[in-house]
Amino acid sequence: MGFRDRAPSGPREMHEATCADCGQKTTVPFKPTAGRPVYCRACFSKRSPPRERSGGYGGGGGGYGRR
């Protein structure tokens, strides 16, 4: 069964947290763990590198035809 074969599970349970960078209250779709930082949407996007839009699955093209 692949990722797309799963039935939707309904609305996610959201948990309140405080952003580790700016201190703003935010909600996240996971239960925050003590000792691990949680970021609001704005701070998370500033911290994470931009995603490549190459189609995913590890990139690299798979190596077909290489020797």
PDB file of N, CA and C in Angstrom:
ATOM      1  N   MET A   1       0.849  -1.179   0.000  1.00  0.00           N
ATOM      2  CA  MET A   1       0.000   0.000   0.000  1.00  0.00           C
ATOM      3  C   MET A   1       0.889   1.233   0.000  1.00  0.00           C
ATOM      4  N   GLY A   2       0.704   2.113  -0.980  1.00  0.00           N
ATOM      5  CA  GLY A   2       1.496   3.325  -1.096  1.00  0.00           C
ATOM      6  C   GLY A   2       0.899   4.479  -0.324  1.00  0.00           C
ATOM      7  N   PHE A   3       1.611   5.585  -0.336  1.00  0.00           N
ATOM      8  CA  PHE A   3       1.174   6.777   0.385  1.00  0.00           C
ATOM      9  C   PHE A   3      -0.191   7.254  -0.097  1.00  0.00           C
ATOM     10  N   ARG A   4      -0.418   7.234  -1.384  1.00  0.00           N
ATOM     11  CA  ARG A   4      -1.667   7.749  -1.936  1.00  0.00           C
ATOM     12  C   ARG A   4      -2.844   6.800  -1.721  1.00  0.00           C
ATOM     13  N   ASP A   5      -2.594   5.571  -1.324  1.00  0.00           N
ATOM     14  CA  ASP A   5      -3.656   4.596  -1.125  1.00  0.00           C
ATOM     15  C   ASP A   5      -4.374   4.759   0.210  1.00  0.00           C
ATOM     16  N   ARG A   6      -3.798   5.528   1.116  1.00  0.00           N
ATOM     17  CA  ARG A   6      -4.408   5.665   2.449  1.00  0.00           C
ATOM     18  C   ARG A   6      -5.636   6.544   2.390  1.00  0.00           C
ATOM     19  N   ALA A   7      -6.621   6.160   3.161  1.00  0.00           N
ATOM     20  CA  ALA A   7      -7.840   6.970   3.272  1.00  0.00           C
ATOM     21  C   ALA A   7      -7.552   8.164   4.168  1.00  0.00           C
ATOM     22  N   PRO A   8      -8.189   9.302   3.923  1.00  0.00           N
ATOM     23  CA  PRO A   8      -7.992  10.453   4.796  1.00  0.00           C
ATOM     24  C   PRO A   8      -8.408  10.118   6.223  1.00  0.00           C
ATOM     25  N   SER A   9      -7.624  10.569   7.182  1.00  0.00           N
ATOM     26  CA  SER A   9      -7.895  10.233   8.573  1.00  0.00           C
ATOM     27  C   SER A   9      -8.722  11.295   9.287  1.00  0.00           C
ATOM     28  N   GLY A  10      -9.158  12.302   8.574  1.00  0.00           N
ATOM     29  CA  GLY A  10      -9.944  13.360   9.200  1.00  0.00           C
ATOM     30  C   GLY A  10      -9.062  14.483   9.681  1.00  0.00           C
ATOM     31  N   PRO A  11      -9.640  15.420  10.424  1.00  0.00           N
ATOM     32  CA  PRO A  11      -8.867  16.576  10.880  1.00  0.00           C
ATOM     33  C   PRO A  11      -7.792  16.155  11.873  1.00  0.00           C
ATOM     34  N   ARG A  12      -6.649  16.814  11.774  1.00  0.00           N
ATOM     35  CA  ARG A  12      -5.541  16.526  12.688  1.00  0.00           C
ATOM     36  C   ARG A  12      -5.795  17.172  14.037  1.00  0.00           C
ATOM     37  N   GLU A  13      -5.311  16.518  15.077  1.00  0.00           N
ATOM     38  CA  GLU A  13      -5.364  17.115  16.412  1.00  0.00           C
ATOM     39  C   GLU A  13      -4.221  18.116  16.504  1.00  0.00           C
ATOM     40  N   MET A  14      -4.538  19.344  16.866  1.00  0.00           N
ATOM     41  CA  MET A  14      -3.525  20.389  16.961  1.00  0.00           C
ATOM     42  C   MET A  14      -3.177  20.644  18.424  1.00  0.00           C
ATOM     43  N   HIS A  15      -1.919  20.993  18.673  1.00  0.00           N
ATOM     44  CA  HIS A  15      -1.425  21.229  20.026  1.00  0.00           C
ATOM     45  C   HIS A  15      -0.841  22.635  20.104  1.00  0.00           C
ATOM     46  N   GLU A  16      -1.090  23.300  21.211  1.00  0.00           N
ATOM     47  CA  GLU A  16      -0.547  24.632  21.417  1.00  0.00           C
ATOM     48  C   GLU A  16       0.915  24.549  21.804  1.00  0.00           C
ATOM     49  N   ALA A  17       1.697  25.533  21.321  1.00  0.00           N
ATOM     50  CA  ALA A  17       3.123  25.593  21.634  1.00  0.00           C
ATOM     51  C   ALA A  17       3.561  27.051  21.572  1.00  0.00           C
ATOM     52  N   THR A  18       4.767  27.308  22.055  1.00  0.00           N
ATOM     53  CA  THR A  18       5.362  28.631  21.990  1.00  0.00           C
ATOM     54  C   THR A  18       6.590  28.548  21.107  1.00  0.00           C
ATOM     55  N   CYS A  19       6.691  29.447  20.125  1.00  0.00           N
ATOM     56  CA  CYS A  19       7.804  29.453  19.192  1.00  0.00           C
ATOM     57  C   CYS A  19       9.116  29.693  19.940  1.00  0.00           C
ATOM     58  N   ALA A  20      10.123  28.871  19.648  1.00  0.00           N
ATOM     59  CA  ALA A  20      11.415  28.972  20.306  1.00  0.00           C
ATOM     60  C   ALA A  20      12.197  30.208  19.864  1.00  0.00           C
ATOM     61  N   ASP A  21      11.865  30.783  18.701  1.00  0.00           N
ATOM     62  CA  ASP A  21      12.576  31.972  18.216  1.00  0.00           C
ATOM     63  C   ASP A  21      11.921  33.264  18.667  1.00  0.00           C
ATOM     64  N   CYS A  22      10.635  33.449  18.344  1.00  0.00           N
ATOM     65  CA  CYS A  22       9.984  34.750  18.581  1.00  0.00           C
ATOM     66  C   CYS A  22       9.076  34.768  19.809  1.00  0.00           C
ATOM     67  N   GLY A  23       8.767  33.604  20.391  1.00  0.00           N
ATOM     68  CA  GLY A  23       7.935  33.548  21.580  1.00  0.00           C
ATOM     69  C   GLY A  23       6.444  33.624  21.324  1.00  0.00           C
ATOM     70  N   GLN A  24       6.048  33.663  20.048  1.00  0.00           N
ATOM     71  CA  GLN A  24       4.632  33.742  19.685  1.00  0.00           C
ATOM     72  C   GLN A  24       3.936  32.408  19.928  1.00  0.00           C
ATOM     73  N   LYS A  25       2.684  32.469  20.375  1.00  0.00           N
ATOM     74  CA  LYS A  25       1.881  31.256  20.536  1.00  0.00           C
ATOM     75  C   LYS A  25       1.528  30.719  19.152  1.00  0.00           C
ATOM     76  N   THR A  26       1.589  29.401  18.978  1.00  0.00           N
ATOM     77  CA  THR A  26       1.284  28.774  17.705  1.00  0.00           C
ATOM     78  C   THR A  26       0.645  27.416  17.957  1.00  0.00           C
ATOM     79  N   THR A  27       0.148  26.794  16.921  1.00  0.00           N
ATOM     80  CA  THR A  27      -0.377  25.433  17.033  1.00  0.00           C
ATOM     81  C   THR A  27       0.365  24.553  16.045  1.00  0.00           C
ATOM     82  N   VAL A  28       0.609  23.315  16.458  1.00  0.00           N
ATOM     83  CA  VAL A  28       1.342  22.363  15.626  1.00  0.00           C
ATOM     84  C   VAL A  28       0.595  21.036  15.588  1.00  0.00           C
ATOM     85  N   PRO A  29       0.764  20.245  14.503  1.00  0.00           N
ATOM     86  CA  PRO A  29       0.036  18.978  14.364  1.00  0.00           C
ATOM     87  C   PRO A  29       0.707  17.804  15.075  1.00  0.00           C
ATOM     88  N   PHE A  30       1.535  18.085  16.074  1.00  0.00           N
ATOM     89  CA  PHE A  30       2.191  17.032  16.853  1.00  0.00           C
ATOM     90  C   PHE A  30       2.311  17.511  18.287  1.00  0.00           C
ATOM     91  N   LYS A  31       2.482  16.587  19.201  1.00  0.00           N
ATOM     92  CA  LYS A  31       2.629  16.957  20.605  1.00  0.00           C
ATOM     93  C   LYS A  31       4.079  17.366  20.849  1.00  0.00           C
ATOM     94  N   PRO A  32       4.307  18.618  21.242  1.00  0.00           N
ATOM     95  CA  PRO A  32       5.679  19.077  21.472  1.00  0.00           C
ATOM     96  C   PRO A  32       6.380  18.251  22.552  1.00  0.00           C
ATOM     97  N   THR A  33       7.662  18.002  22.335  1.00  0.00           N
ATOM     98  CA  THR A  33       8.481  17.223  23.256  1.00  0.00           C
ATOM     99  C   THR A  33       9.398  18.165  24.026  1.00  0.00           C
ATOM    100  N   ALA A  34       9.507  17.974  25.323  1.00  0.00           N
ATOM    101  CA  ALA A  34      10.377  18.807  26.150  1.00  0.00           C
ATOM    102  C   ALA A  34      11.812  18.700  25.637  1.00  0.00           C
ATOM    103  N   GLY A  35      12.485  19.835  25.557  1.00  0.00           N
ATOM    104  CA  GLY A  35      13.871  19.851  25.112  1.00  0.00           C
ATOM    105  C   GLY A  35      14.048  19.987  23.609  1.00  0.00           C
ATOM    106  N   ARG A  36      12.954  19.933  22.840  1.00  0.00           N
ATOM    107  CA  ARG A  36      13.040  20.099  21.386  1.00  0.00           C
ATOM    108  C   ARG A  36      12.313  21.378  20.997  1.00  0.00           C
ATOM    109  N   PRO A  37      12.973  22.251  20.216  1.00  0.00           N
ATOM    110  CA  PRO A  37      12.342  23.528  19.861  1.00  0.00           C
ATOM    111  C   PRO A  37      11.174  23.351  18.901  1.00  0.00           C
ATOM    112  N   VAL A  38      10.189  24.228  19.046  1.00  0.00           N
ATOM    113  CA  VAL A  38       9.041  24.290  18.147  1.00  0.00           C
ATOM    114  C   VAL A  38       9.026  25.705  17.586  1.00  0.00           C
ATOM    115  N   TYR A  39       8.751  25.833  16.286  1.00  0.00           N
ATOM    116  CA  TYR A  39       8.756  27.138  15.643  1.00  0.00           C
ATOM    117  C   TYR A  39       7.396  27.453  15.026  1.00  0.00           C
ATOM    118  N   CYS A  40       7.032  28.728  15.021  1.00  0.00           N
ATOM    119  CA  CYS A  40       5.828  29.155  14.322  1.00  0.00           C
ATOM    120  C   CYS A  40       6.095  29.052  12.816  1.00  0.00           C
ATOM    121  N   ARG A  41       5.070  29.218  12.026  1.00  0.00           N
ATOM    122  CA  ARG A  41       5.214  29.064  10.572  1.00  0.00           C
ATOM    123  C   ARG A  41       6.260  30.025   9.997  1.00  0.00           C
ATOM    124  N   ALA A  42       6.239  31.285  10.435  1.00  0.00           N
ATOM    125  CA  ALA A  42       7.172  32.283   9.903  1.00  0.00           C
ATOM    126  C   ALA A  42       8.622  31.942  10.258  1.00  0.00           C
ATOM    127  N   CYS A  43       8.866  31.595  11.518  1.00  0.00           N
ATOM    128  CA  CYS A  43      10.236  31.276  11.941  1.00  0.00           C
ATOM    129  C   CYS A  43      10.715  29.966  11.326  1.00  0.00           C
ATOM    130  N   PHE A  44       9.828  28.995  11.183  1.00  0.00           N
ATOM    131  CA  PHE A  44      10.203  27.725  10.563  1.00  0.00           C
ATOM    132  C   PHE A  44      10.642  27.950   9.119  1.00  0.00           C
ATOM    133  N   SER A  45       9.900  28.781   8.375  1.00  0.00           N
ATOM    134  CA  SER A  45      10.252  29.012   6.979  1.00  0.00           C
ATOM    135  C   SER A  45      11.559  29.791   6.857  1.00  0.00           C
ATOM    136  N   LYS A  46      11.887  30.640   7.835  1.00  0.00           N
ATOM    137  CA  LYS A  46      13.162  31.363   7.814  1.00  0.00           C
ATOM    138  C   LYS A  46      14.334  30.422   8.092  1.00  0.00           C
ATOM    139  N   ARG A  47      14.113  29.395   8.910  1.00  0.00           N
ATOM    140  CA  ARG A  47      15.178  28.497   9.327  1.00  0.00           C
ATOM    141  C   ARG A  47      15.444  27.366   8.334  1.00  0.00           C
ATOM    142  N   SER A  48      14.429  26.907   7.631  1.00  0.00           N
ATOM    143  CA  SER A  48      14.601  25.746   6.757  1.00  0.00           C
ATOM    144  C   SER A  48      15.087  26.168   5.374  1.00  0.00           C
ATOM    145  N   PRO A  49      15.946  25.356   4.758  1.00  0.00           N
ATOM    146  CA  PRO A  49      16.411  25.677   3.409  1.00  0.00           C
ATOM    147  C   PRO A  49      15.262  25.548   2.413  1.00  0.00           C
ATOM    148  N   PRO A  50      15.281  26.284   1.318  1.00  0.00           N
ATOM    149  CA  PRO A  50      14.205  26.177   0.329  1.00  0.00           C
ATOM    150  C   PRO A  50      14.149  24.785  -0.272  1.00  0.00           C
ATOM    151  N   ARG A  51      12.926  24.292  -0.482  1.00  0.00           N
ATOM    152  CA  ARG A  51      12.744  22.968  -1.065  1.00  0.00           C
ATOM    153  C   ARG A  51      12.950  23.027  -2.569  1.00  0.00           C
ATOM    154  N   GLU A  52      13.547  21.945  -3.100  1.00  0.00           N
ATOM    155  CA  GLU A  52      13.677  21.848  -4.548  1.00  0.00           C
ATOM    156  C   GLU A  52      12.386  21.278  -5.100  1.00  0.00           C
ATOM    157  N   ARG A  53      11.968  21.747  -6.248  1.00  0.00           N
ATOM    158  CA  ARG A  53      10.726  21.303  -6.876  1.00  0.00           C
ATOM    159  C   ARG A  53      11.025  20.314  -8.004  1.00  0.00           C
ATOM    160  N   SER A  54      11.889  19.318  -7.728  1.00  0.00           N
ATOM    161  CA  SER A  54      12.302  18.400  -8.786  1.00  0.00           C
ATOM    162  C   SER A  54      11.472  17.129  -8.837  1.00  0.00           C
ATOM    163  N   GLY A  55      10.449  17.012  -8.053  1.00  0.00           N
ATOM    164  CA  GLY A  55       9.626  15.816  -8.074  1.00  0.00           C
ATOM    165  C   GLY A  55       9.866  14.888  -6.895  1.00  0.00           C
ATOM    166  N   GLY A  56      10.863  15.147  -6.098  1.00  0.00           N
ATOM    167  CA  GLY A  56      11.088  14.360  -4.895  1.00  0.00           C
ATOM    168  C   GLY A  56      11.737  13.017  -5.135  1.00  0.00           C
ATOM    169  N   TYR A  57      11.526  12.113  -4.214  1.00  0.00           N
ATOM    170  CA  TYR A  57      12.074  10.759  -4.247  1.00  0.00           C
ATOM    171  C   TYR A  57      13.590  10.746  -4.326  1.00  0.00           C
ATOM    172  N   GLY A  58      14.235  11.625  -3.598  1.00  0.00           N
ATOM    173  CA  GLY A  58      15.680  11.592  -3.473  1.00  0.00           C
ATOM    174  C   GLY A  58      16.447  12.296  -4.566  1.00  0.00           C
ATOM    175  N   GLY A  59      15.811  12.685  -5.634  1.00  0.00           N
ATOM    176  CA  GLY A  59      16.504  13.393  -6.705  1.00  0.00           C
ATOM    177  C   GLY A  59      17.542  12.515  -7.378  1.00  0.00           C
ATOM    178  N   GLY A  60      18.375  13.087  -8.185  1.00  0.00           N
ATOM    179  CA  GLY A  60      19.466  12.353  -8.804  1.00  0.00           C
ATOM    180  C   GLY A  60      19.111  11.664 -10.098  1.00  0.00           C
ATOM    181  N   GLY A  61      17.878  11.513 -10.448  1.00  0.00           N
ATOM    182  CA  GLY A  61      17.492  10.960 -11.727  1.00  0.00           C
ATOM    183  C   GLY A  61      17.492   9.461 -11.846  1.00  0.00           C
ATOM    184  N   GLY A  62      17.958   8.740 -10.846  1.00  0.00           N
ATOM    185  CA  GLY A  62      17.880   7.287 -10.884  1.00  0.00           C
ATOM    186  C   GLY A  62      19.013   6.587 -11.605  1.00  0.00           C
ATOM    187  N   GLY A  63      19.778   7.279 -12.400  1.00  0.00           N
ATOM    188  CA  GLY A  63      20.959   6.695 -13.012  1.00  0.00           C
ATOM    189  C   GLY A  63      20.699   5.807 -14.221  1.00  0.00           C
ATOM    190  N   TYR A  64      19.590   5.938 -14.871  1.00  0.00           N
ATOM    191  CA  TYR A  64      19.319   5.117 -16.051  1.00  0.00           C
ATOM    192  C   TYR A  64      20.303   5.462 -17.164  1.00  0.00           C
ATOM    193  N   GLY A  65      20.870   4.439 -17.771  1.00  0.00           N
ATOM    194  CA  GLY A  65      21.763   4.628 -18.896  1.00  0.00           C
ATOM    195  C   GLY A  65      23.191   4.965 -18.519  1.00  0.00           C
ATOM    196  N   ARG A  66      23.507   5.058 -17.247  1.00  0.00           N
ATOM    197  CA  ARG A  66      24.885   5.360 -16.835  1.00  0.00           C
ATOM    198  C   ARG A  66      25.683   4.075 -16.732  1.00  0.00           C
ATOM    199  N   ARG A  67      26.972   4.212 -17.037  1.00  0.00           N
ATOM    200  CA  ARG A  67      27.887   3.052 -16.895  1.00  0.00           C
ATOM    201  C   ARG A  67      29.193   3.488 -16.327  1.00  0.00           C
TER     202      ARG A  67
END
